[in-house]
Amino acid sequence: MKYLYFAATLLGYLLILLANAVVIAVITFDRQLHEPMYIFICNLSLNGLYGSSAFYPMCMANLLSEIPTISRAGCLIQIFSLHTYGGFEYSVLALMAYDRYLSICHPLRYNSIMTPFKVTQLLVFVYICFEVVYQRFEMAKLPHSVLVIMSINCLLSPPLLNPITYGIKLQEIRKRILKLFSSTINNSVARVKRTEIKRRQTT
């Protein structure tokens, strides 16, 4: 069964990497998307890569290990990474809510408030200063498997759903992703045709 769990975990990790990498690449290379909302979405995807990379590789290594272990230093690094991931996740979502509030309630002042410098300041602030609030519930009667899934749910759903919910579902990003893939396919087809023509000319 451990190989089945490993395959499922690996598939989930690869989907997370693909979805977030596509959103980051589209926003980074398209200058028309260099606006506060898209910059925040890009940082949300970066954070998804950061948090999932702090969890999944070690998880997959332990799934294949006969005796799952982790060093003290590795444990501390993973704890730090997961806590910073969680804190930044909520902080960026709060910035996105603030950005939407300004665009809706103060549309005429939006561009003067959300300047590139202001966006940079806000992102630096949430990187440096944030707080994660944990709430504890009485869950002793729940099955162990349910407790495990609940404890790692923040690493299973958000890294995969965020780039879809906040990225691919947006029309501007979706259009550019489709354009990117179509141009890649067209270039590949053209390259194959050129190779085939050269091969025929040499024979």
C-alpha atoms as a PDB file:
ATOM      1  CA  MET A   1       0.000   0.000   0.000  1.00  0.00           C
ATOM      2  CA  LYS A   2       2.881   2.374   0.667  1.00  0.00           C
ATOM      3  CA  TYR A   3       3.689   2.511  -3.051  1.00  0.00           C
ATOM      4  CA  LEU A   4       0.086   3.473  -3.791  1.00  0.00           C
ATOM      5  CA  TYR A   5       0.265   6.227  -1.159  1.00  0.00           C
ATOM      6  CA  PHE A   6       3.609   7.344  -2.598  1.00  0.00           C
ATOM      7  CA  ALA A   7       2.191   7.507  -6.139  1.00  0.00           C
ATOM      8  CA  ALA A   8      -0.857   9.501  -4.980  1.00  0.00           C
ATOM      9  CA  THR A   9       1.352  11.893  -2.991  1.00  0.00           C
ATOM     10  CA  LEU A  10       3.760  12.337  -5.896  1.00  0.00           C
ATOM     11  CA  LEU A  11       0.874  13.039  -8.283  1.00  0.00           C
ATOM     12  CA  GLY A  12      -0.560  15.645  -5.913  1.00  0.00           C
ATOM     13  CA  TYR A  13       2.841  17.309  -5.512  1.00  0.00           C
ATOM     14  CA  LEU A  14       3.429  17.431  -9.278  1.00  0.00           C
ATOM     15  CA  LEU A  15      -0.020  18.958  -9.853  1.00  0.00           C
ATOM     16  CA  ILE A  16       0.750  21.616  -7.225  1.00  0.00           C
ATOM     17  CA  LEU A  17       4.096  22.407  -8.869  1.00  0.00           C
ATOM     18  CA  LEU A  18       2.527  22.619 -12.336  1.00  0.00           C
ATOM     19  CA  ALA A  19      -0.479  24.756 -11.381  1.00  0.00           C
ATOM     20  CA  ASN A  20       1.543  27.256  -9.342  1.00  0.00           C
ATOM     21  CA  ALA A  21       4.450  27.405 -11.798  1.00  0.00           C
ATOM     22  CA  VAL A  22       2.103  28.207 -14.702  1.00  0.00           C
ATOM     23  CA  VAL A  23       0.437  31.048 -12.778  1.00  0.00           C
ATOM     24  CA  ILE A  24       3.799  32.466 -11.663  1.00  0.00           C
ATOM     25  CA  ALA A  25       5.274  32.278 -15.178  1.00  0.00           C
ATOM     26  CA  VAL A  26       2.272  33.946 -16.828  1.00  0.00           C
ATOM     27  CA  ILE A  27       2.154  36.811 -14.324  1.00  0.00           C
ATOM     28  CA  THR A  28       5.942  37.294 -14.329  1.00  0.00           C
ATOM     29  CA  PHE A  29       6.452  37.443 -18.090  1.00  0.00           C
ATOM     30  CA  ASP A  30       3.311  39.389 -19.026  1.00  0.00           C
ATOM     31  CA  ARG A  31       3.859  43.046 -18.148  1.00  0.00           C
ATOM     32  CA  GLN A  32       0.138  43.790 -18.489  1.00  0.00           C
ATOM     33  CA  LEU A  33      -0.420  41.616 -15.413  1.00  0.00           C
ATOM     34  CA  HIS A  34       2.021  43.606 -13.272  1.00  0.00           C
ATOM     35  CA  GLU A  35      -0.821  45.019 -11.191  1.00  0.00           C
ATOM     36  CA  PRO A  36      -1.384  44.693  -7.411  1.00  0.00           C
ATOM     37  CA  MET A  37      -4.035  41.968  -7.619  1.00  0.00           C
ATOM     38  CA  TYR A  38      -1.948  39.753  -9.915  1.00  0.00           C
ATOM     39  CA  ILE A  39       1.230  40.415  -7.942  1.00  0.00           C
ATOM     40  CA  PHE A  40      -0.524  39.204  -4.787  1.00  0.00           C
ATOM     41  CA  ILE A  41      -1.760  36.107  -6.645  1.00  0.00           C
ATOM     42  CA  CYS A  42       1.791  35.450  -7.826  1.00  0.00           C
ATOM     43  CA  ASN A  43       3.064  35.660  -4.243  1.00  0.00           C
ATOM     44  CA  LEU A  44       0.280  33.333  -3.117  1.00  0.00           C
ATOM     45  CA  SER A  45       1.448  30.784  -5.677  1.00  0.00           C
ATOM     46  CA  LEU A  46       5.065  31.236  -4.600  1.00  0.00           C
ATOM     47  CA  ASN A  47       4.008  30.577  -1.038  1.00  0.00           C
ATOM     48  CA  GLY A  48       2.151  27.451  -2.173  1.00  0.00           C
ATOM     49  CA  LEU A  49       5.355  26.132  -3.724  1.00  0.00           C
ATOM     50  CA  TYR A  50       7.276  26.995  -0.562  1.00  0.00           C
ATOM     51  CA  GLY A  51       4.858  25.259   1.804  1.00  0.00           C
ATOM     52  CA  SER A  52       4.322  22.140  -0.303  1.00  0.00           C
ATOM     53  CA  SER A  53       8.076  21.770  -0.906  1.00  0.00           C
ATOM     54  CA  ALA A  54       8.628  21.883   2.844  1.00  0.00           C
ATOM     55  CA  PHE A  55       6.207  18.978   3.338  1.00  0.00           C
ATOM     56  CA  TYR A  56       5.857  16.660   0.354  1.00  0.00           C
ATOM     57  CA  PRO A  57       9.491  15.564  -0.319  1.00  0.00           C
ATOM     58  CA  MET A  58      10.004  14.496   3.298  1.00  0.00           C
ATOM     59  CA  CYS A  59       6.569  12.869   3.346  1.00  0.00           C
ATOM     60  CA  MET A  60       7.355  10.848   0.226  1.00  0.00           C
ATOM     61  CA  ALA A  61      10.763   9.827   1.605  1.00  0.00           C
ATOM     62  CA  ASN A  62       9.094   8.554   4.791  1.00  0.00           C
ATOM     63  CA  LEU A  63       6.463   6.658   2.788  1.00  0.00           C
ATOM     64  CA  LEU A  64       9.209   4.618   1.114  1.00  0.00           C
ATOM     65  CA  SER A  65      11.287   4.207   4.263  1.00  0.00           C
ATOM     66  CA  GLU A  66      11.012   1.102   6.399  1.00  0.00           C
ATOM     67  CA  ILE A  67      11.525   3.194   9.531  1.00  0.00           C
ATOM     68  CA  PRO A  68      10.343   6.807   8.971  1.00  0.00           C
ATOM     69  CA  THR A  69      12.708   9.170  10.762  1.00  0.00           C
ATOM     70  CA  ILE A  70      13.671  12.842  10.739  1.00  0.00           C
ATOM     71  CA  SER A  71      16.603  14.589  12.345  1.00  0.00           C
ATOM     72  CA  ARG A  72      16.181  17.243  15.015  1.00  0.00           C
ATOM     73  CA  ALA A  73      17.482  19.935  12.653  1.00  0.00           C
ATOM     74  CA  GLY A  74      15.216  18.711   9.851  1.00  0.00           C
ATOM     75  CA  CYS A  75      12.235  18.737  12.199  1.00  0.00           C
ATOM     76  CA  LEU A  76      12.939  22.301  13.327  1.00  0.00           C
ATOM     77  CA  ILE A  77      13.396  23.478   9.737  1.00  0.00           C
ATOM     78  CA  GLN A  78      10.130  21.855   8.711  1.00  0.00           C
ATOM     79  CA  ILE A  79       8.269  23.379  11.669  1.00  0.00           C
ATOM     80  CA  PHE A  80       9.637  26.828  10.824  1.00  0.00           C
ATOM     81  CA  SER A  81       8.784  26.422   7.129  1.00  0.00           C
ATOM     82  CA  LEU A  82       5.211  25.263   7.766  1.00  0.00           C
ATOM     83  CA  HIS A  83       4.538  28.025  10.313  1.00  0.00           C
ATOM     84  CA  THR A  84       5.879  30.730   8.009  1.00  0.00           C
ATOM     85  CA  TYR A  85       3.905  29.231   5.121  1.00  0.00           C
ATOM     86  CA  GLY A  86       0.671  29.355   7.128  1.00  0.00           C
ATOM     87  CA  GLY A  87       1.268  32.886   8.347  1.00  0.00           C
ATOM     88  CA  PHE A  88       2.092  34.225   4.915  1.00  0.00           C
ATOM     89  CA  GLU A  89      -0.919  32.446   3.388  1.00  0.00           C
ATOM     90  CA  TYR A  90      -3.371  34.294   5.637  1.00  0.00           C
ATOM     91  CA  SER A  91      -1.455  37.557   5.293  1.00  0.00           C
ATOM     92  CA  VAL A  92      -1.529  37.549   1.484  1.00  0.00           C
ATOM     93  CA  LEU A  93      -5.229  36.670   1.500  1.00  0.00           C
ATOM     94  CA  ALA A  94      -5.786  39.663   3.802  1.00  0.00           C
ATOM     95  CA  LEU A  95      -3.840  41.897   1.378  1.00  0.00           C
ATOM     96  CA  MET A  96      -5.954  40.621  -1.507  1.00  0.00           C
ATOM     97  CA  ALA A  97      -9.114  41.455   0.438  1.00  0.00           C
ATOM     98  CA  TYR A  98      -7.740  44.948   1.170  1.00  0.00           C
ATOM     99  CA  ASP A  99      -6.884  45.408  -2.511  1.00  0.00           C
ATOM    100  CA  ARG A 100     -10.438  44.447  -3.548  1.00  0.00           C
ATOM    101  CA  TYR A 101     -11.874  46.782  -0.890  1.00  0.00           C
ATOM    102  CA  LEU A 102      -9.899  49.719  -2.285  1.00  0.00           C
ATOM    103  CA  SER A 103     -10.805  48.950  -5.891  1.00  0.00           C
ATOM    104  CA  ILE A 104     -14.523  48.740  -5.063  1.00  0.00           C
ATOM    105  CA  CYS A 105     -14.935  51.448  -2.419  1.00  0.00           C
ATOM    106  CA  HIS A 106     -12.288  53.923  -3.619  1.00  0.00           C
ATOM    107  CA  PRO A 107     -11.933  53.351  -7.381  1.00  0.00           C
ATOM    108  CA  LEU A 108     -10.828  56.919  -8.140  1.00  0.00           C
ATOM    109  CA  ARG A 109      -8.054  56.832  -5.523  1.00  0.00           C
ATOM    110  CA  TYR A 110      -7.035  53.204  -6.126  1.00  0.00           C
ATOM    111  CA  ASN A 111      -4.055  53.875  -8.400  1.00  0.00           C
ATOM    112  CA  SER A 112      -2.717  56.580  -6.113  1.00  0.00           C
ATOM    113  CA  ILE A 113      -2.988  54.310  -3.046  1.00  0.00           C
ATOM    114  CA  MET A 114      -1.852  50.964  -4.468  1.00  0.00           C
ATOM    115  CA  THR A 115       1.364  52.159  -6.075  1.00  0.00           C
ATOM    116  CA  PRO A 116       4.169  49.658  -6.879  1.00  0.00           C
ATOM    117  CA  PHE A 117       6.080  50.983  -3.865  1.00  0.00           C
ATOM    118  CA  LYS A 118       3.032  50.470  -1.626  1.00  0.00           C
ATOM    119  CA  VAL A 119       2.577  46.900  -2.885  1.00  0.00           C
ATOM    120  CA  THR A 120       6.246  46.170  -2.172  1.00  0.00           C
ATOM    121  CA  GLN A 121       5.916  47.631   1.326  1.00  0.00           C
ATOM    122  CA  LEU A 122       2.867  45.494   2.096  1.00  0.00           C
ATOM    123  CA  LEU A 123       4.509  42.303   0.865  1.00  0.00           C
ATOM    124  CA  VAL A 124       7.697  42.970   2.817  1.00  0.00           C
ATOM    125  CA  PHE A 125       5.585  43.672   5.900  1.00  0.00           C
ATOM    126  CA  VAL A 126       3.681  40.385   5.731  1.00  0.00           C
ATOM    127  CA  TYR A 127       6.904  38.479   5.093  1.00  0.00           C
ATOM    128  CA  ILE A 128       8.443  39.921   8.250  1.00  0.00           C
ATOM    129  CA  CYS A 129       5.537  40.333  10.630  1.00  0.00           C
ATOM    130  CA  PHE A 130       2.574  37.961  10.899  1.00  0.00           C
ATOM    131  CA  GLU A 131       0.810  35.827  13.464  1.00  0.00           C
ATOM    132  CA  VAL A 132      -0.874  32.453  13.115  1.00  0.00           C
ATOM    133  CA  VAL A 133      -3.806  31.858  15.489  1.00  0.00           C
ATOM    134  CA  TYR A 134      -4.556  28.260  16.341  1.00  0.00           C
ATOM    135  CA  GLN A 135      -7.881  27.142  17.736  1.00  0.00           C
ATOM    136  CA  ARG A 136      -8.084  23.885  19.643  1.00  0.00           C
ATOM    137  CA  PHE A 137     -11.130  21.696  19.644  1.00  0.00           C
ATOM    138  CA  GLU A 138     -12.013  18.488  21.433  1.00  0.00           C
ATOM    139  CA  MET A 139     -11.117  15.933  18.761  1.00  0.00           C
ATOM    140  CA  ALA A 140     -10.002  12.985  20.868  1.00  0.00           C
ATOM    141  CA  LYS A 141     -12.921  10.835  19.688  1.00  0.00           C
ATOM    142  CA  LEU A 142     -12.149  11.219  15.984  1.00  0.00           C
ATOM    143  CA  PRO A 143     -10.375   8.356  14.141  1.00  0.00           C
ATOM    144  CA  HIS A 144      -6.612   8.702  13.863  1.00  0.00           C
ATOM    145  CA  SER A 145      -6.733   8.796  10.036  1.00  0.00           C
ATOM    146  CA  VAL A 146      -9.210  11.710  10.167  1.00  0.00           C
ATOM    147  CA  LEU A 147      -6.974  13.589  12.607  1.00  0.00           C
ATOM    148  CA  VAL A 148      -3.973  13.111  10.307  1.00  0.00           C
ATOM    149  CA  ILE A 149      -5.891  14.399   7.264  1.00  0.00           C
ATOM    150  CA  MET A 150      -7.194  17.393   9.237  1.00  0.00           C
ATOM    151  CA  SER A 151      -3.708  18.231  10.492  1.00  0.00           C
ATOM    152  CA  ILE A 152      -2.223  18.365   6.988  1.00  0.00           C
ATOM    153  CA  ASN A 153      -5.280  19.724   5.162  1.00  0.00           C
ATOM    154  CA  CYS A 154      -3.700  23.178   4.900  1.00  0.00           C
ATOM    155  CA  LEU A 155      -0.916  21.567   2.848  1.00  0.00           C
ATOM    156  CA  LEU A 156      -3.212  19.445   0.684  1.00  0.00           C
ATOM    157  CA  SER A 157      -5.923  21.824  -0.534  1.00  0.00           C
ATOM    158  CA  PRO A 158      -4.670  25.464  -0.649  1.00  0.00           C
ATOM    159  CA  PRO A 159      -1.457  24.926  -2.689  1.00  0.00           C
ATOM    160  CA  LEU A 160      -3.503  23.218  -5.415  1.00  0.00           C
ATOM    161  CA  LEU A 161      -6.784  25.147  -5.197  1.00  0.00           C
ATOM    162  CA  ASN A 162      -5.344  28.677  -4.795  1.00  0.00           C
ATOM    163  CA  PRO A 163      -3.795  28.914  -8.280  1.00  0.00           C
ATOM    164  CA  ILE A 164      -7.080  27.624  -9.725  1.00  0.00           C
ATOM    165  CA  THR A 165      -9.420  29.756  -7.604  1.00  0.00           C
ATOM    166  CA  TYR A 166      -7.435  33.005  -7.646  1.00  0.00           C
ATOM    167  CA  GLY A 167      -5.451  32.491 -10.847  1.00  0.00           C
ATOM    168  CA  ILE A 168      -6.759  30.285 -13.633  1.00  0.00           C
ATOM    169  CA  LYS A 169     -10.401  31.249 -13.013  1.00  0.00           C
ATOM    170  CA  LEU A 170      -9.562  34.905 -13.712  1.00  0.00           C
ATOM    171  CA  GLN A 171     -10.213  35.690 -17.357  1.00  0.00           C
ATOM    172  CA  GLU A 172      -7.017  37.664 -17.958  1.00  0.00           C
ATOM    173  CA  ILE A 173      -4.768  34.947 -16.571  1.00  0.00           C
ATOM    174  CA  ARG A 174      -6.743  32.139 -18.253  1.00  0.00           C
ATOM    175  CA  LYS A 175      -6.499  33.861 -21.647  1.00  0.00           C
ATOM    176  CA  ARG A 176      -2.743  34.229 -21.317  1.00  0.00           C
ATOM    177  CA  ILE A 177      -2.291  30.619 -20.166  1.00  0.00           C
ATOM    178  CA  LEU A 178      -4.229  29.373 -23.200  1.00  0.00           C
ATOM    179  CA  LYS A 179      -2.179  31.679 -25.431  1.00  0.00           C
ATOM    180  CA  LEU A 180       1.051  30.368 -23.868  1.00  0.00           C
ATOM    181  CA  PHE A 181       0.092  26.731 -24.396  1.00  0.00           C
ATOM    182  CA  SER A 182      -1.196  27.325 -27.937  1.00  0.00           C
ATOM    183  CA  SER A 183       2.011  29.136 -28.931  1.00  0.00           C
ATOM    184  CA  THR A 184       4.087  26.332 -27.374  1.00  0.00           C
ATOM    185  CA  ILE A 185       2.141  23.698 -29.306  1.00  0.00           C
ATOM    186  CA  ASN A 186       2.382  25.681 -32.543  1.00  0.00           C
ATOM    187  CA  ASN A 187       6.138  26.124 -32.096  1.00  0.00           C
ATOM    188  CA  SER A 188       6.553  22.402 -31.444  1.00  0.00           C
ATOM    189  CA  VAL A 189       4.529  21.510 -34.554  1.00  0.00           C
ATOM    190  CA  ALA A 190       6.522  23.984 -36.656  1.00  0.00           C
ATOM    191  CA  ARG A 191       9.797  22.558 -35.317  1.00  0.00           C
ATOM    192  CA  VAL A 192       8.711  19.021 -36.192  1.00  0.00           C
ATOM    193  CA  LYS A 193       7.720  20.117 -39.699  1.00  0.00           C
ATOM    194  CA  ARG A 194      11.072  21.860 -40.250  1.00  0.00           C
ATOM    195  CA  THR A 195      12.904  18.754 -39.055  1.00  0.00           C
ATOM    196  CA  GLU A 196      10.854  16.565 -41.374  1.00  0.00           C
ATOM    197  CA  ILE A 197      11.530  18.879 -44.347  1.00  0.00           C
ATOM    198  CA  LYS A 198      15.286  18.863 -43.649  1.00  0.00           C
ATOM    199  CA  ARG A 199      15.241  15.073 -43.355  1.00  0.00           C
ATOM    200  CA  ARG A 200      13.507  14.717 -46.718  1.00  0.00           C
ATOM    201  CA  GLN A 201      15.928  17.154 -48.369  1.00  0.00           C
ATOM    202  CA  THR A 202      18.936  15.177 -47.164  1.00  0.00           C
ATOM    203  CA  THR A 203      17.531  11.822 -48.364  1.00  0.00           C
END
